[in-house]
PDB file of N, CA and C in Angstrom:
ATOM      1  N   MET A   1     -36.387 -19.243  43.692  1.00  0.00           N
ATOM      2  CA  MET A   1     -35.788 -19.693  42.457  1.00  0.00           C
ATOM      3  C   MET A   1     -35.920 -18.558  41.443  1.00  0.00           C
ATOM      4  N   ASP A   2     -34.819 -18.189  40.816  1.00  0.00           N
ATOM      5  CA  ASP A   2     -34.896 -17.149  39.798  1.00  0.00           C
ATOM      6  C   ASP A   2     -35.204 -17.764  38.433  1.00  0.00           C
ATOM      7  N   ARG A   3     -35.449 -16.911  37.468  1.00  0.00           N
ATOM      8  CA  ARG A   3     -35.847 -17.363  36.134  1.00  0.00           C
ATOM      9  C   ARG A   3     -34.799 -18.268  35.491  1.00  0.00           C
ATOM     10  N   ILE A   4     -33.532 -17.894  35.605  1.00  0.00           N
ATOM     11  CA  ILE A   4     -32.466 -18.696  34.988  1.00  0.00           C
ATOM     12  C   ILE A   4     -32.412 -20.082  35.622  1.00  0.00           C
ATOM     13  N   SER A   5     -32.532 -20.164  36.935  1.00  0.00           N
ATOM     14  CA  SER A   5     -32.533 -21.471  37.608  1.00  0.00           C
ATOM     15  C   SER A   5     -33.713 -22.313  37.150  1.00  0.00           C
ATOM     16  N   ALA A   6     -34.874 -21.696  37.038  1.00  0.00           N
ATOM     17  CA  ALA A   6     -36.061 -22.425  36.583  1.00  0.00           C
ATOM     18  C   ALA A   6     -35.837 -22.970  35.178  1.00  0.00           C
ATOM     19  N   LEU A   7     -35.315 -22.140  34.292  1.00  0.00           N
ATOM     20  CA  LEU A   7     -35.073 -22.593  32.917  1.00  0.00           C
ATOM     21  C   LEU A   7     -34.040 -23.712  32.867  1.00  0.00           C
ATOM     22  N   ARG A   8     -33.000 -23.597  33.672  1.00  0.00           N
ATOM     23  CA  ARG A   8     -31.987 -24.664  33.710  1.00  0.00           C
ATOM     24  C   ARG A   8     -32.584 -25.966  34.239  1.00  0.00           C
ATOM     25  N   ASN A   9     -33.422 -25.856  35.272  1.00  0.00           N
ATOM     26  CA  ASN A   9     -34.058 -27.062  35.818  1.00  0.00           C
ATOM     27  C   ASN A   9     -34.983 -27.709  34.791  1.00  0.00           C
ATOM     28  N   ILE A  10     -35.706 -26.902  34.043  1.00  0.00           N
ATOM     29  CA  ILE A  10     -36.573 -27.443  32.987  1.00  0.00           C
ATOM     30  C   ILE A  10     -35.726 -28.085  31.898  1.00  0.00           C
ATOM     31  N   GLU A  11     -34.633 -27.427  31.537  1.00  0.00           N
ATOM     32  CA  GLU A  11     -33.730 -27.998  30.530  1.00  0.00           C
ATOM     33  C   GLU A  11     -33.173 -29.341  31.000  1.00  0.00           C
ATOM     34  N   ASP A  12     -32.795 -29.434  32.267  1.00  0.00           N
ATOM     35  CA  ASP A  12     -32.295 -30.706  32.813  1.00  0.00           C
ATOM     36  C   ASP A  12     -33.380 -31.782  32.772  1.00  0.00           C
ATOM     37  N   ALA A  13     -34.608 -31.401  33.089  1.00  0.00           N
ATOM     38  CA  ALA A  13     -35.717 -32.356  33.050  1.00  0.00           C
ATOM     39  C   ALA A  13     -35.942 -32.850  31.620  1.00  0.00           C
ATOM     40  N   LEU A  14     -35.891 -31.943  30.661  1.00  0.00           N
ATOM     41  CA  LEU A  14     -36.058 -32.344  29.262  1.00  0.00           C
ATOM     42  C   LEU A  14     -34.936 -33.283  28.820  1.00  0.00           C
ATOM     43  N   ALA A  15     -33.712 -32.998  29.238  1.00  0.00           N
ATOM     44  CA  ALA A  15     -32.577 -33.860  28.886  1.00  0.00           C
ATOM     45  C   ALA A  15     -32.777 -35.257  29.471  1.00  0.00           C
ATOM     46  N   GLY A  16     -33.268 -35.330  30.703  1.00  0.00           N
ATOM     47  CA  GLY A  16     -33.539 -36.631  31.307  1.00  0.00           C
ATOM     48  C   GLY A  16     -34.591 -37.402  30.536  1.00  0.00           C
ATOM     49  N   PHE A  17     -35.605 -36.698  30.061  1.00  0.00           N
ATOM     50  CA  PHE A  17     -36.648 -37.342  29.255  1.00  0.00           C
ATOM     51  C   PHE A  17     -36.063 -37.842  27.934  1.00  0.00           C
ATOM     52  N   GLU A  18     -35.260 -37.003  27.301  1.00  0.00           N
ATOM     53  CA  GLU A  18     -34.649 -37.396  26.019  1.00  0.00           C
ATOM     54  C   GLU A  18     -33.718 -38.587  26.176  1.00  0.00           C
ATOM     55  N   ASP A  19     -33.106 -38.726  27.342  1.00  0.00           N
ATOM     56  CA  ASP A  19     -32.186 -39.846  27.613  1.00  0.00           C
ATOM     57  C   ASP A  19     -32.911 -41.054  28.190  1.00  0.00           C
ATOM     58  N   ASP A  20     -34.258 -41.043  28.121  1.00  0.00           N
ATOM     59  CA  ASP A  20     -35.084 -42.145  28.635  1.00  0.00           C
ATOM     60  C   ASP A  20     -34.883 -42.403  30.124  1.00  0.00           C
ATOM     61  N   GLU A  21     -34.551 -41.357  30.881  1.00  0.00           N
ATOM     62  CA  GLU A  21     -34.397 -41.488  32.321  1.00  0.00           C
ATOM     63  C   GLU A  21     -35.717 -41.280  33.053  1.00  0.00           C
ATOM     64  N   GLN A  22     -36.725 -40.749  32.341  1.00  0.00           N
ATOM     65  CA  GLN A  22     -38.045 -40.566  32.944  1.00  0.00           C
ATOM     66  C   GLN A  22     -39.119 -40.615  31.868  1.00  0.00           C
ATOM     67  N   THR A  23     -40.311 -40.944  32.296  1.00  0.00           N
ATOM     68  CA  THR A  23     -41.445 -41.025  31.380  1.00  0.00           C
ATOM     69  C   THR A  23     -42.052 -39.639  31.186  1.00  0.00           C
ATOM     70  N   LEU A  24     -42.963 -39.518  30.240  1.00  0.00           N
ATOM     71  CA  LEU A  24     -43.636 -38.244  30.009  1.00  0.00           C
ATOM     72  C   LEU A  24     -44.417 -37.787  31.241  1.00  0.00           C
ATOM     73  N   PRO A  25     -45.201 -38.653  31.911  1.00  0.00           N
ATOM     74  CA  PRO A  25     -45.885 -38.197  33.133  1.00  0.00           C
ATOM     75  C   PRO A  25     -44.907 -37.716  34.210  1.00  0.00           C
ATOM     76  N   GLU A  26     -43.767 -38.377  34.337  1.00  0.00           N
ATOM     77  CA  GLU A  26     -42.760 -37.931  35.312  1.00  0.00           C
ATOM     78  C   GLU A  26     -42.198 -36.568  34.929  1.00  0.00           C
ATOM     79  N   LEU A  27     -41.943 -36.376  33.648  1.00  0.00           N
ATOM     80  CA  LEU A  27     -41.458 -35.084  33.145  1.00  0.00           C
ATOM     81  C   LEU A  27     -42.485 -33.984  33.417  1.00  0.00           C
ATOM     82  N   GLU A  28     -43.746 -34.276  33.136  1.00  0.00           N
ATOM     83  CA  GLU A  28     -44.802 -33.284  33.364  1.00  0.00           C
ATOM     84  C   GLU A  28     -44.879 -32.889  34.835  1.00  0.00           C
ATOM     85  N   ARG A  29     -44.817 -33.866  35.736  1.00  0.00           N
ATOM     86  CA  ARG A  29     -44.854 -33.572  37.176  1.00  0.00           C
ATOM     87  C   ARG A  29     -43.668 -32.710  37.591  1.00  0.00           C
ATOM     88  N   GLU A  30     -42.494 -33.048  37.082  1.00  0.00           N
ATOM     89  CA  GLU A  30     -41.298 -32.290  37.448  1.00  0.00           C
ATOM     90  C   GLU A  30     -41.379 -30.850  36.941  1.00  0.00           C
ATOM     91  N   VAL A  31     -41.801 -30.670  35.702  1.00  0.00           N
ATOM     92  CA  VAL A  31     -41.904 -29.324  35.148  1.00  0.00           C
ATOM     93  C   VAL A  31     -42.977 -28.523  35.881  1.00  0.00           C
ATOM     94  N   ARG A  32     -44.109 -29.141  36.199  1.00  0.00           N
ATOM     95  CA  ARG A  32     -45.144 -28.439  36.978  1.00  0.00           C
ATOM     96  C   ARG A  32     -44.585 -27.987  38.325  1.00  0.00           C
ATOM     97  N   GLY A  33     -43.835 -28.856  38.973  1.00  0.00           N
ATOM     98  CA  GLY A  33     -43.233 -28.506  40.257  1.00  0.00           C
ATOM     99  C   GLY A  33     -42.259 -27.345  40.136  1.00  0.00           C
ATOM    100  N   ILE A  34     -41.461 -27.355  39.086  1.00  0.00           N
ATOM    101  CA  ILE A  34     -40.512 -26.260  38.851  1.00  0.00           C
ATOM    102  C   ILE A  34     -41.268 -24.960  38.640  1.00  0.00           C
ATOM    103  N   LEU A  35     -42.295 -24.998  37.824  1.00  0.00           N
ATOM    104  CA  LEU A  35     -43.057 -23.776  37.535  1.00  0.00           C
ATOM    105  C   LEU A  35     -43.785 -23.261  38.768  1.00  0.00           C
ATOM    106  N   ARG A  36     -44.345 -24.144  39.576  1.00  0.00           N
ATOM    107  CA  ARG A  36     -45.013 -23.707  40.811  1.00  0.00           C
ATOM    108  C   ARG A  36     -44.018 -23.070  41.772  1.00  0.00           C
ATOM    109  N   THR A  37     -42.847 -23.683  41.888  1.00  0.00           N
ATOM    110  CA  THR A  37     -41.817 -23.120  42.757  1.00  0.00           C
ATOM    111  C   THR A  37     -41.411 -21.746  42.261  1.00  0.00           C
ATOM    112  N   TYR A  38     -41.185 -21.621  40.970  1.00  0.00           N
ATOM    113  CA  TYR A  38     -40.810 -20.322  40.407  1.00  0.00           C
ATOM    114  C   TYR A  38     -41.912 -19.288  40.629  1.00  0.00           C
ATOM    115  N   ALA A  39     -43.140 -19.648  40.317  1.00  0.00           N
ATOM    116  CA  ALA A  39     -44.257 -18.700  40.392  1.00  0.00           C
ATOM    117  C   ALA A  39     -44.507 -18.208  41.808  1.00  0.00           C
ATOM    118  N   THR A  40     -44.235 -19.038  42.798  1.00  0.00           N
ATOM    119  CA  THR A  40     -44.515 -18.641  44.174  1.00  0.00           C
ATOM    120  C   THR A  40     -43.286 -18.091  44.894  1.00  0.00           C
ATOM    121  N   SER A  41     -42.098 -18.250  44.329  1.00  0.00           N
ATOM    122  CA  SER A  41     -40.907 -17.782  45.039  1.00  0.00           C
ATOM    123  C   SER A  41     -40.591 -16.320  44.759  1.00  0.00           C
ATOM    124  N   PHE A  42     -41.012 -15.791  43.620  1.00  0.00           N
ATOM    125  CA  PHE A  42     -40.679 -14.396  43.357  1.00  0.00           C
ATOM    126  C   PHE A  42     -41.645 -13.437  44.049  1.00  0.00           C
ATOM    127  N   ASP A  43     -42.771 -13.931  44.519  1.00  0.00           N
ATOM    128  CA  ASP A  43     -43.718 -13.115  45.268  1.00  0.00           C
ATOM    129  C   ASP A  43     -44.224 -13.967  46.427  1.00  0.00           C
ATOM    130  N   GLU A  44     -43.751 -13.674  47.620  1.00  0.00           N
ATOM    131  CA  GLU A  44     -44.066 -14.510  48.780  1.00  0.00           C
ATOM    132  C   GLU A  44     -45.542 -14.499  49.158  1.00  0.00           C
ATOM    133  N   GLU A  45     -46.314 -13.578  48.602  1.00  0.00           N
ATOM    134  CA  GLU A  45     -47.741 -13.532  48.902  1.00  0.00           C
ATOM    135  C   GLU A  45     -48.538 -14.519  48.042  1.00  0.00           C
ATOM    136  N   LEU A  46     -47.907 -15.092  47.032  1.00  0.00           N
ATOM    137  CA  LEU A  46     -48.593 -16.025  46.148  1.00  0.00           C
ATOM    138  C   LEU A  46     -48.438 -17.454  46.645  1.00  0.00           C
ATOM    139  N   SER A  47     -49.503 -18.230  46.469  1.00  0.00           N
ATOM    140  CA  SER A  47     -49.496 -19.655  46.810  1.00  0.00           C
ATOM    141  C   SER A  47     -50.272 -20.412  45.742  1.00  0.00           C
ATOM    142  N   PRO A  48     -49.920 -21.672  45.539  1.00  0.00           N
ATOM    143  CA  PRO A  48     -50.697 -22.488  44.600  1.00  0.00           C
ATOM    144  C   PRO A  48     -51.960 -23.033  45.275  1.00  0.00           C
ATOM    145  N   TYR A  49     -53.049 -23.048  44.535  1.00  0.00           N
ATOM    146  CA  TYR A  49     -54.337 -23.586  44.995  1.00  0.00           C
ATOM    147  C   TYR A  49     -54.874 -24.532  43.925  1.00  0.00           C
ATOM    148  N   ARG A  50     -55.474 -25.652  44.367  1.00  0.00           N
ATOM    149  CA  ARG A  50     -56.032 -26.640  43.443  1.00  0.00           C
ATOM    150  C   ARG A  50     -57.532 -26.737  43.647  1.00  0.00           C
ATOM    151  N   ALA A  51     -58.250 -26.815  42.535  1.00  0.00           N
ATOM    152  CA  ALA A  51     -59.696 -27.033  42.583  1.00  0.00           C
ATOM    153  C   ALA A  51     -59.968 -28.528  42.743  1.00  0.00           C
ATOM    154  N   THR A  52     -60.935 -28.856  43.590  1.00  0.00           N
ATOM    155  CA  THR A  52     -61.350 -30.245  43.763  1.00  0.00           C
ATOM    156  C   THR A  52     -62.861 -30.316  43.594  1.00  0.00           C
ATOM    157  N   GLY A  53     -63.362 -31.477  43.286  1.00  0.00           N
ATOM    158  CA  GLY A  53     -64.796 -31.660  43.134  1.00  0.00           C
ATOM    159  C   GLY A  53     -65.138 -32.236  41.780  1.00  0.00           C
ATOM    160  N   GLU A  54     -66.380 -32.024  41.368  1.00  0.00           N
ATOM    161  CA  GLU A  54     -66.902 -32.630  40.152  1.00  0.00           C
ATOM    162  C   GLU A  54     -66.918 -31.676  38.957  1.00  0.00           C
ATOM    163  N   SER A  55     -66.464 -30.457  39.127  1.00  0.00           N
ATOM    164  CA  SER A  55     -66.565 -29.478  38.040  1.00  0.00           C
ATOM    165  C   SER A  55     -65.459 -29.664  37.012  1.00  0.00           C
ATOM    166  N   ALA A  56     -65.570 -28.900  35.936  1.00  0.00           N
ATOM    167  CA  ALA A  56     -64.588 -28.967  34.855  1.00  0.00           C
ATOM    168  C   ALA A  56     -63.208 -28.490  35.291  1.00  0.00           C
ATOM    169  N   VAL A  57     -63.119 -27.744  36.378  1.00  0.00           N
ATOM    170  CA  VAL A  57     -61.820 -27.256  36.834  1.00  0.00           C
ATOM    171  C   VAL A  57     -61.164 -28.162  37.884  1.00  0.00           C
ATOM    172  N   ALA A  58     -61.786 -29.266  38.221  1.00  0.00           N
ATOM    173  CA  ALA A  58     -61.210 -30.181  39.205  1.00  0.00           C
ATOM    174  C   ALA A  58     -59.797 -30.561  38.777  1.00  0.00           C
ATOM    175  N   GLY A  59     -58.848 -30.376  39.685  1.00  0.00           N
ATOM    176  CA  GLY A  59     -57.450 -30.690  39.405  1.00  0.00           C
ATOM    177  C   GLY A  59     -56.645 -29.524  38.871  1.00  0.00           C
ATOM    178  N   VAL A  60     -57.312 -28.453  38.462  1.00  0.00           N
ATOM    179  CA  VAL A  60     -56.607 -27.285  37.932  1.00  0.00           C
ATOM    180  C   VAL A  60     -55.954 -26.539  39.091  1.00  0.00           C
ATOM    181  N   VAL A  61     -54.707 -26.106  38.876  1.00  0.00           N
ATOM    182  CA  VAL A  61     -53.973 -25.357  39.893  1.00  0.00           C
ATOM    183  C   VAL A  61     -53.782 -23.928  39.404  1.00  0.00           C
ATOM    184  N   VAL A  62     -54.044 -22.974  40.295  1.00  0.00           N
ATOM    185  CA  VAL A  62     -53.796 -21.558  39.999  1.00  0.00           C
ATOM    186  C   VAL A  62     -52.891 -20.997  41.087  1.00  0.00           C
ATOM    187  N   VAL A  63     -52.250 -19.890  40.773  1.00  0.00           N
ATOM    188  CA  VAL A  63     -51.417 -19.194  41.746  1.00  0.00           C
ATOM    189  C   VAL A  63     -52.151 -17.916  42.112  1.00  0.00           C
ATOM    190  N   ALA A  64     -52.374 -17.722  43.423  1.00  0.00           N
ATOM    191  CA  ALA A  64     -53.162 -16.577  43.867  1.00  0.00           C
ATOM    192  C   ALA A  64     -52.700 -16.121  45.247  1.00  0.00           C
ATOM    193  N   ARG A  65     -53.173 -14.952  45.639  1.00  0.00           N
ATOM    194  CA  ARG A  65     -52.825 -14.396  46.948  1.00  0.00           C
ATOM    195  C   ARG A  65     -53.697 -14.961  48.074  1.00  0.00           C
ATOM    196  N   SER A  66     -54.865 -15.487  47.728  1.00  0.00           N
ATOM    197  CA  SER A  66     -55.764 -16.022  48.746  1.00  0.00           C
ATOM    198  C   SER A  66     -56.671 -17.074  48.129  1.00  0.00           C
ATOM    199  N   ARG A  67     -57.360 -17.808  48.997  1.00  0.00           N
ATOM    200  CA  ARG A  67     -58.329 -18.811  48.538  1.00  0.00           C
ATOM    201  C   ARG A  67     -59.438 -18.137  47.722  1.00  0.00           C
ATOM    202  N   THR A  68     -59.855 -16.944  48.163  1.00  0.00           N
ATOM    203  CA  THR A  68     -60.910 -16.206  47.453  1.00  0.00           C
ATOM    204  C   THR A  68     -60.445 -15.819  46.050  1.00  0.00           C
ATOM    205  N   ASP A  69     -59.224 -15.305  45.946  1.00  0.00           N
ATOM    206  CA  ASP A  69     -58.682 -14.947  44.626  1.00  0.00           C
ATOM    207  C   ASP A  69     -58.570 -16.178  43.724  1.00  0.00           C
ATOM    208  N   ALA A  70     -58.154 -17.299  44.304  1.00  0.00           N
ATOM    209  CA  ALA A  70     -58.038 -18.536  43.532  1.00  0.00           C
ATOM    210  C   ALA A  70     -59.408 -18.961  43.017  1.00  0.00           C
ATOM    211  N   ARG A  71     -60.419 -18.907  43.882  1.00  0.00           N
ATOM    212  CA  ARG A  71     -61.784 -19.271  43.486  1.00  0.00           C
ATOM    213  C   ARG A  71     -62.255 -18.381  42.340  1.00  0.00           C
ATOM    214  N   GLU A  72     -61.987 -17.075  42.424  1.00  0.00           N
ATOM    215  CA  GLU A  72     -62.408 -16.157  41.360  1.00  0.00           C
ATOM    216  C   GLU A  72     -61.722 -16.480  40.042  1.00  0.00           C
ATOM    217  N   GLN A  73     -60.442 -16.808  40.099  1.00  0.00           N
ATOM    218  CA  GLN A  73     -59.731 -17.195  38.870  1.00  0.00           C
ATOM    219  C   GLN A  73     -60.360 -18.433  38.244  1.00  0.00           C
ATOM    220  N   LEU A  74     -60.670 -19.412  39.078  1.00  0.00           N
ATOM    221  CA  LEU A  74     -61.253 -20.658  38.584  1.00  0.00           C
ATOM    222  C   LEU A  74     -62.671 -20.453  38.063  1.00  0.00           C
ATOM    223  N   GLU A  75     -63.450 -19.642  38.752  1.00  0.00           N
ATOM    224  CA  GLU A  75     -64.836 -19.385  38.324  1.00  0.00           C
ATOM    225  C   GLU A  75     -64.891 -18.705  36.963  1.00  0.00           C
ATOM    226  N   ALA A  76     -63.859 -17.972  36.614  1.00  0.00           N
ATOM    227  CA  ALA A  76     -63.820 -17.300  35.313  1.00  0.00           C
ATOM    228  C   ALA A  76     -63.836 -18.296  34.151  1.00  0.00           C
ATOM    229  N   HIS A  77     -63.542 -19.558  34.450  1.00  0.00           N
ATOM    230  CA  HIS A  77     -63.487 -20.595  33.406  1.00  0.00           C
ATOM    231  C   HIS A  77     -64.660 -21.568  33.472  1.00  0.00           C
ATOM    232  N   LEU A  78     -65.680 -21.239  34.243  1.00  0.00           N
ATOM    233  CA  LEU A  78     -66.778 -22.173  34.476  1.00  0.00           C
ATOM    234  C   LEU A  78     -68.133 -21.587  34.138  1.00  0.00           C
ATOM    235  N   GLU A  79     -69.093 -22.494  34.049  1.00  0.00           N
ATOM    236  CA  GLU A  79     -70.483 -22.075  33.964  1.00  0.00           C
ATOM    237  C   GLU A  79     -70.948 -21.673  35.358  1.00  0.00           C
ATOM    238  N   ALA A  80     -72.028 -20.957  35.437  1.00  0.00           N
ATOM    239  CA  ALA A  80     -72.479 -20.343  36.689  1.00  0.00           C
ATOM    240  C   ALA A  80     -72.747 -21.341  37.819  1.00  0.00           C
ATOM    241  N   ASP A  81     -73.262 -22.524  37.543  1.00  0.00           N
ATOM    242  CA  ASP A  81     -73.679 -23.440  38.602  1.00  0.00           C
ATOM    243  C   ASP A  81     -72.662 -24.515  38.953  1.00  0.00           C
ATOM    244  N   ALA A  82     -71.423 -24.352  38.579  1.00  0.00           N
ATOM    245  CA  ALA A  82     -70.415 -25.364  38.884  1.00  0.00           C
ATOM    246  C   ALA A  82     -70.074 -25.339  40.366  1.00  0.00           C
ATOM    247  N   HIS A  83     -69.869 -26.527  40.929  1.00  0.00           N
ATOM    248  CA  HIS A  83     -69.534 -26.652  42.349  1.00  0.00           C
ATOM    249  C   HIS A  83     -68.138 -27.237  42.478  1.00  0.00           C
ATOM    250  N   PHE A  84     -67.310 -26.582  43.273  1.00  0.00           N
ATOM    251  CA  PHE A  84     -65.953 -27.081  43.524  1.00  0.00           C
ATOM    252  C   PHE A  84     -65.426 -26.451  44.803  1.00  0.00           C
ATOM    253  N   GLU A  85     -64.398 -27.074  45.330  1.00  0.00           N
ATOM    254  CA  GLU A  85     -63.703 -26.556  46.498  1.00  0.00           C
ATOM    255  C   GLU A  85     -62.297 -26.134  46.070  1.00  0.00           C
ATOM    256  N   VAL A  86     -61.650 -25.312  46.899  1.00  0.00           N
ATOM    257  CA  VAL A  86     -60.290 -24.857  46.619  1.00  0.00           C
ATOM    258  C   VAL A  86     -59.412 -25.207  47.814  1.00  0.00           C
ATOM    259  N   GLU A  87     -58.301 -25.878  47.541  1.00  0.00           N
ATOM    260  CA  GLU A  87     -57.389 -26.231  48.624  1.00  0.00           C
ATOM    261  C   GLU A  87     -56.010 -25.651  48.334  1.00  0.00           C
ATOM    262  N   ARG A  88     -55.378 -25.169  49.378  1.00  0.00           N
ATOM    263  CA  ARG A  88     -54.026 -24.603  49.234  1.00  0.00           C
ATOM    264  C   ARG A  88     -53.026 -25.753  49.201  1.00  0.00           C
ATOM    265  N   LEU A  89     -52.104 -25.697  48.265  1.00  0.00           N
ATOM    266  CA  LEU A  89     -51.051 -26.708  48.168  1.00  0.00           C
ATOM    267  C   LEU A  89     -49.838 -26.231  48.947  1.00  0.00           C
ATOM    268  N   GLU A  90     -49.120 -27.149  49.505  1.00  0.00           N
ATOM    269  CA  GLU A  90     -47.902 -26.796  50.260  1.00  0.00           C
ATOM    270  C   GLU A  90     -46.687 -27.045  49.413  1.00  0.00           C
TER     271      GLU A  90
END
């Protein structure tokens, strides 16, 4: 997906929200999906990864080249003793 397509898809999602065709949570999910697709399509080495567990980053998604890179990105936002796992999203 190129930048223009991503922007058009986001614009369409916003129009649907404005026309009461979707709720705010539905809009947020759609826009997140568009952004993940865009972020991972221009560089095939990138993949989305989600943190799971009890830490402050649980549920946060990052785009990285590997699970290790994703973990390092997430650890940059945490205290030293936080425990979490990283899973690759498809």
